Amino acid sequence: MKSLFDVCAPAKLNLFLHIVGRRPDGYHLLESVFVLIDWCDTLHFERRGQGLLSREDLTTPLPADDLVMRAARALQRHTGSRQGAHISVEKRVPAQAGMGGGSSDAASTLLALNRLWGLHLDLASLRAIGLTLGADVPFFLGGQSAFVTGIGEKLAPISVPQSRYLVVKPPDGLETQRIFSHPHLKRDSEPTIIAGFATAADGFGCNDLQDIAQQFCPGVGLAVDWLDSLGLSGRMTGSGSAVFSKLAHDIDISNAPESFEVKICNGLQVHPLFGWAV
């Protein structure tokens, strides 16, 4: 195999996000449910020799040391592989949105290069590598909706009904560390259980980061207000500025706020690369 083209890297939504405590090392203990959606980046991989790695940005320019390149180098280090790759990235998922775009790109890179280089690493090995890159990477490797705990690294598969979502991304992004370091951030939500989420009506929980995020990024509040004007209940996803609402019917989005990215997305039951590692 010399190349892999049109490799998908889907985004995610946090249906809720609670902070239930904090570890002695400062990391926050979270509870959330992650679902995959069909707002995707697309990556292309061509095998190279002598361990050479390069990246071409086909849309949005990315930092030189982005998660795609870091994932490829981590896989080389873990396996001792002397193979290389040229990776082209069509970036569509917005940055600093709380949708996990960079983490998803890293996961798809690990899965694609594991196959392209014939490394035959199992899913557990890839997850261990992915966790060194970021807490969200193992979720995208897992390939399905998950109840997430710990600092984001503990995953339990969960069944979530097939849904459509209206996702709204303000022009400004949010820096995760700025929110988590705020002294007034709520850090004492009551722990929940998978069964509690599964049996609850729509609108379970909240995003504990949203109040602080709206102080830093007024666009979050504007997005929530616009969704409210459509009769929808908006909620921020993750620690970024994107806001979403579940859709029960078709809706006119032609009057979306200017400069906001707005997309109707379908939830995905499984990752497009599900089964690429076992």
Protein backbone atom coordinates (compact mmCIF):
# COMPACT_ATOMS: atom_id res chain seq x y z
CA MET A 1 0.00 0.00 0.00
CA LYS A 2 1.47 3.34 -1.11
CA SER A 3 -1.29 5.81 -0.22
CA LEU A 4 -4.56 6.37 1.61
CA PHE A 5 -6.81 9.17 0.38
CA ASP A 6 -9.98 10.76 1.75
CA VAL A 7 -9.42 9.68 5.35
CA CYS A 8 -12.17 11.20 7.50
CA ALA A 9 -11.66 12.94 10.85
CA PRO A 10 -15.09 13.79 12.34
CA ALA A 11 -15.78 16.36 15.03
CA LYS A 12 -17.55 15.71 18.34
CA LEU A 13 -20.09 17.41 20.57
CA ASN A 14 -20.28 17.32 24.37
CA LEU A 15 -23.95 16.73 25.13
CA PHE A 16 -23.16 17.99 28.64
CA LEU A 17 -19.94 18.75 30.54
CA HIS A 18 -19.76 18.73 34.34
CA ILE A 19 -16.73 19.40 36.52
CA VAL A 20 -16.99 17.18 39.58
CA GLY A 21 -13.67 17.92 41.27
CA ARG A 22 -9.99 18.59 40.87
CA ARG A 23 -6.93 16.39 41.31
CA PRO A 24 -3.97 17.43 43.48
CA ASP A 25 -1.95 18.09 40.30
CA GLY A 26 -4.52 20.67 39.19
CA TYR A 27 -6.25 18.65 36.47
CA HIS A 28 -10.03 18.89 36.53
CA LEU A 29 -12.22 15.81 36.90
CA LEU A 30 -14.92 15.79 34.25
CA GLU A 31 -18.08 13.99 33.30
CA SER A 32 -19.47 14.24 29.80
CA VAL A 33 -21.06 12.38 26.94
CA PHE A 34 -19.26 12.71 23.61
CA VAL A 35 -20.99 12.06 20.29
CA LEU A 36 -19.50 12.10 16.79
CA ILE A 37 -20.95 14.33 14.07
CA ASP A 38 -20.44 14.52 10.31
CA TRP A 39 -18.60 17.87 10.33
CA CYS A 40 -15.26 16.45 9.21
CA ASP A 41 -11.70 17.20 8.20
CA THR A 42 -10.26 15.09 5.39
CA LEU A 43 -6.67 13.82 5.34
CA HIS A 44 -4.61 12.19 2.57
CA PHE A 45 -1.51 10.05 3.21
CA GLU A 46 1.29 9.11 0.80
CA ARG A 47 4.05 6.82 2.01
CA ARG A 48 7.62 8.16 1.98
CA GLY A 49 10.93 6.53 2.81
CA GLN A 50 13.73 7.30 5.27
CA GLY A 51 11.33 8.37 8.01
CA LEU A 52 10.58 11.67 6.27
CA LEU A 53 7.40 13.41 7.41
CA SER A 54 5.82 16.41 5.70
CA ARG A 55 2.44 18.12 5.73
CA GLU A 56 0.56 20.16 3.14
CA ASP A 57 -2.31 22.43 4.19
CA LEU A 58 -4.98 22.36 1.49
CA THR A 59 -7.31 24.83 3.22
CA THR A 60 -6.63 26.54 6.57
CA PRO A 61 -2.91 26.99 7.43
CA LEU A 62 -1.96 24.93 10.49
CA PRO A 63 0.86 25.40 13.02
CA ALA A 64 4.10 23.67 12.03
CA ASP A 65 3.96 21.38 15.07
CA ASP A 66 0.26 20.52 14.94
CA LEU A 67 -1.30 17.32 16.26
CA VAL A 68 -1.10 15.59 12.87
CA MET A 69 2.70 15.85 12.81
CA ARG A 70 3.00 15.08 16.51
CA ALA A 71 0.89 11.94 16.06
CA ALA A 72 3.03 10.74 13.16
CA ARG A 73 6.25 11.28 15.10
CA ALA A 74 4.81 9.58 18.20
CA LEU A 75 3.94 6.51 16.12
CA GLN A 76 7.45 6.42 14.71
CA ARG A 77 8.99 6.64 18.18
CA HIS A 78 6.72 3.97 19.63
CA THR A 79 7.40 1.45 16.87
CA GLY A 80 10.89 2.41 15.72
CA SER A 81 9.51 2.63 12.18
CA ARG A 82 11.76 4.23 9.58
CA GLN A 83 8.86 4.81 7.23
CA GLY A 84 7.61 8.31 6.51
CA ALA A 85 4.63 10.04 4.93
CA HIS A 86 3.44 13.15 3.18
CA ILE A 87 0.14 14.19 4.76
CA SER A 88 -2.31 16.60 3.12
CA VAL A 89 -4.99 18.15 5.31
CA GLU A 90 -8.32 19.62 4.23
CA LYS A 91 -9.29 21.46 7.41
CA ARG A 92 -13.03 22.08 7.82
CA VAL A 93 -13.70 21.74 11.55
CA PRO A 94 -13.10 25.16 13.13
CA ALA A 95 -10.33 25.62 15.68
CA GLN A 96 -10.94 26.54 19.35
CA ALA A 97 -14.55 25.43 18.93
CA GLY A 98 -14.68 22.65 21.53
CA MET A 99 -15.34 20.14 18.75
CA GLY A 100 -12.07 18.22 19.02
CA GLY A 101 -10.87 18.89 15.48
CA GLY A 102 -7.16 18.63 16.24
CA SER A 103 -7.59 15.55 18.41
CA SER A 104 -9.68 13.89 15.70
CA ASP A 105 -6.99 14.64 13.11
CA ALA A 106 -4.41 13.03 15.41
CA ALA A 107 -6.55 9.92 15.88
CA SER A 108 -7.16 9.50 12.16
CA THR A 109 -3.43 9.97 11.54
CA LEU A 110 -2.58 7.18 13.98
CA LEU A 111 -5.16 4.85 12.41
CA ALA A 112 -4.13 5.68 8.84
CA LEU A 113 -0.37 5.39 9.35
CA ASN A 114 -0.78 2.19 11.37
CA ARG A 115 -2.42 0.76 8.25
CA LEU A 116 -0.23 2.46 5.62
CA TRP A 117 2.99 1.39 7.35
CA GLY A 118 1.74 -2.12 8.10
CA LEU A 119 2.46 -1.79 11.84
CA HIS A 120 -0.51 -3.90 13.03
CA LEU A 121 -0.79 -2.13 16.40
CA ASP A 122 -4.01 -2.96 18.23
CA LEU A 123 -6.48 -0.36 19.44
CA ALA A 124 -5.19 -0.44 23.03
CA SER A 125 -1.68 0.42 21.84
CA LEU A 126 -2.92 3.25 19.67
CA ARG A 127 -5.00 4.63 22.56
CA ALA A 128 -1.92 4.67 24.80
CA ILE A 129 -0.05 6.68 22.17
CA GLY A 130 -3.06 8.93 21.63
CA LEU A 131 -3.36 9.77 25.32
CA THR A 132 0.16 11.25 25.24
CA LEU A 133 -1.09 13.68 22.57
CA GLY A 134 -4.28 14.81 24.31
CA ALA A 135 -7.11 13.55 26.51
CA ASP A 136 -9.66 13.59 23.65
CA VAL A 137 -7.61 11.50 21.20
CA PRO A 138 -8.55 8.08 22.71
CA PHE A 139 -12.24 8.92 22.24
CA PHE A 140 -11.83 9.38 18.49
CA LEU A 141 -9.86 6.14 18.31
CA GLY A 142 -12.67 4.33 20.16
CA GLY A 143 -15.05 5.09 17.35
CA GLN A 144 -18.41 5.54 19.08
CA SER A 145 -20.37 7.65 21.56
CA ALA A 146 -18.92 7.49 25.06
CA PHE A 147 -19.56 8.45 28.67
CA VAL A 148 -16.33 10.24 29.59
CA THR A 149 -14.86 10.63 33.08
CA GLY A 150 -11.53 11.32 34.78
CA ILE A 151 -9.60 14.06 32.99
CA GLY A 152 -11.26 12.84 29.78
CA GLU A 153 -9.31 9.62 29.39
CA LYS A 154 -11.82 7.15 30.89
CA LEU A 155 -14.33 6.02 28.28
CA ALA A 156 -17.41 3.83 28.51
CA PRO A 157 -19.39 3.17 25.30
CA ILE A 158 -22.94 4.45 25.47
CA SER A 159 -25.89 4.25 23.11
CA VAL A 160 -27.17 7.68 22.01
CA PRO A 161 -30.21 7.97 19.71
CA GLN A 162 -29.50 9.10 16.15
CA SER A 163 -30.00 12.88 16.08
CA ARG A 164 -29.42 15.99 14.02
CA TYR A 165 -27.78 19.07 15.49
CA LEU A 166 -27.56 22.72 14.54
CA VAL A 167 -24.01 23.84 15.31
CA VAL A 168 -23.04 27.52 15.48
CA LYS A 169 -19.42 28.71 15.69
CA PRO A 170 -18.78 32.40 16.47
CA PRO A 171 -15.81 34.00 14.70
CA ASP A 172 -13.76 34.08 17.91
CA GLY A 173 -12.38 30.98 19.59
CA LEU A 174 -11.63 30.16 23.21
CA GLU A 175 -8.45 29.01 24.91
CA THR A 176 -9.09 26.03 27.16
CA GLN A 177 -6.54 26.98 29.82
CA ARG A 178 -8.00 30.45 30.24
CA ILE A 179 -11.39 29.01 31.19
CA PHE A 180 -10.14 26.21 33.43
CA SER A 181 -7.89 28.57 35.40
CA HIS A 182 -10.68 31.06 36.20
CA PRO A 183 -11.19 31.33 39.98
CA HIS A 184 -14.98 31.41 39.69
CA LEU A 185 -15.33 28.31 37.53
CA LYS A 186 -17.87 25.85 38.95
CA ARG A 187 -15.93 22.76 40.07
CA ASP A 188 -18.37 20.92 42.33
CA SER A 189 -21.15 19.45 40.18
CA GLU A 190 -22.76 16.34 41.59
CA PRO A 191 -21.49 13.13 39.94
CA THR A 192 -23.95 11.41 37.66
CA ILE A 193 -24.15 7.89 36.28
CA ILE A 194 -24.61 6.52 32.78
CA ALA A 195 -28.10 5.27 33.62
CA GLY A 196 -29.10 8.74 34.77
CA PHE A 197 -28.16 10.26 31.44
CA ALA A 198 -29.66 7.42 29.41
CA THR A 199 -33.08 7.71 31.05
CA ALA A 200 -33.24 11.52 31.19
CA ALA A 201 -35.25 13.63 28.81
CA ASP A 202 -33.48 15.84 26.29
CA GLY A 203 -31.48 18.63 27.85
CA PHE A 204 -29.74 16.60 30.54
CA GLY A 205 -27.21 18.57 32.60
CA CYS A 206 -25.35 21.64 31.40
CA ASN A 207 -21.90 22.83 30.41
CA ASP A 208 -20.18 24.09 33.57
CA LEU A 209 -17.75 26.12 31.45
CA GLN A 210 -20.37 28.17 29.65
CA ASP A 211 -20.85 31.05 32.11
CA ILE A 212 -17.12 31.79 32.22
CA ALA A 213 -16.75 31.30 28.47
CA GLN A 214 -19.39 33.92 27.76
CA GLN A 215 -17.35 36.47 29.71
CA PHE A 216 -14.36 35.89 27.44
CA CYS A 217 -16.27 35.40 24.19
CA PRO A 218 -19.52 37.37 23.75
CA GLY A 219 -20.14 35.40 20.57
CA VAL A 220 -21.10 32.39 22.68
CA GLY A 221 -23.96 34.36 24.20
CA LEU A 222 -24.98 35.73 20.79
CA ALA A 223 -25.11 32.19 19.40
CA VAL A 224 -27.24 31.03 22.33
CA ASP A 225 -29.57 34.03 21.84
CA TRP A 226 -29.94 33.31 18.11
CA LEU A 227 -30.82 29.69 18.78
CA ASP A 228 -33.31 30.87 21.39
CA SER A 229 -34.94 33.10 18.72
CA LEU A 230 -35.48 29.93 16.68
CA GLY A 231 -37.15 28.22 19.61
CA LEU A 232 -34.08 26.10 20.33
CA SER A 233 -32.05 25.63 23.49
CA GLY A 234 -28.38 26.32 22.82
CA ARG A 235 -25.47 24.87 24.76
CA MET A 236 -21.72 25.25 24.40
CA THR A 237 -19.73 22.15 23.49
CA GLY A 238 -16.48 21.35 25.27
CA SER A 239 -14.26 24.28 26.19
CA GLY A 240 -14.54 26.07 22.85
CA SER A 241 -16.89 28.70 21.48
CA ALA A 242 -19.21 26.53 19.36
CA VAL A 243 -22.82 26.21 20.51
CA PHE A 244 -25.29 23.54 19.41
CA SER A 245 -28.89 22.44 19.74
CA LYS A 246 -30.60 19.18 18.87
CA LEU A 247 -32.97 19.49 15.90
CA ALA A 248 -36.32 17.73 15.86
CA HIS A 249 -37.40 19.19 12.48
CA ASP A 250 -36.11 21.19 9.52
CA ILE A 251 -35.35 24.82 10.22
CA ASP A 252 -34.50 27.98 8.29
CA ILE A 253 -30.97 29.17 9.11
CA SER A 254 -30.78 31.90 6.46
CA ASN A 255 -30.84 34.65 9.11
CA ALA A 256 -27.77 33.34 10.96
CA PRO A 257 -25.53 36.02 12.49
CA GLU A 258 -23.04 37.41 9.98
CA SER A 259 -19.54 35.85 10.13
CA PHE A 260 -20.79 32.88 12.21
CA GLU A 261 -20.21 29.39 10.83
CA VAL A 262 -23.51 27.51 10.90
CA LYS A 263 -23.98 23.88 9.93
CA ILE A 264 -26.70 21.26 10.32
CA CYS A 265 -24.93 18.04 11.29
CA ASN A 266 -25.93 14.43 11.64
CA GLY A 267 -24.81 12.39 14.60
CA LEU A 268 -22.68 9.37 13.75
CA GLN A 269 -23.26 6.04 15.45
CA VAL A 270 -19.72 4.93 14.63
CA HIS A 271 -16.53 6.57 13.37
CA PRO A 272 -15.93 6.24 9.60
CA LEU A 273 -12.65 4.44 10.42
CA PHE A 274 -14.23 2.08 12.95
CA GLY A 275 -12.55 -1.29 12.73
CA TRP A 276 -9.24 -0.02 11.31
CA ALA A 277 -7.56 -1.31 14.48
CA VAL A 278 -8.78 -4.07 16.78
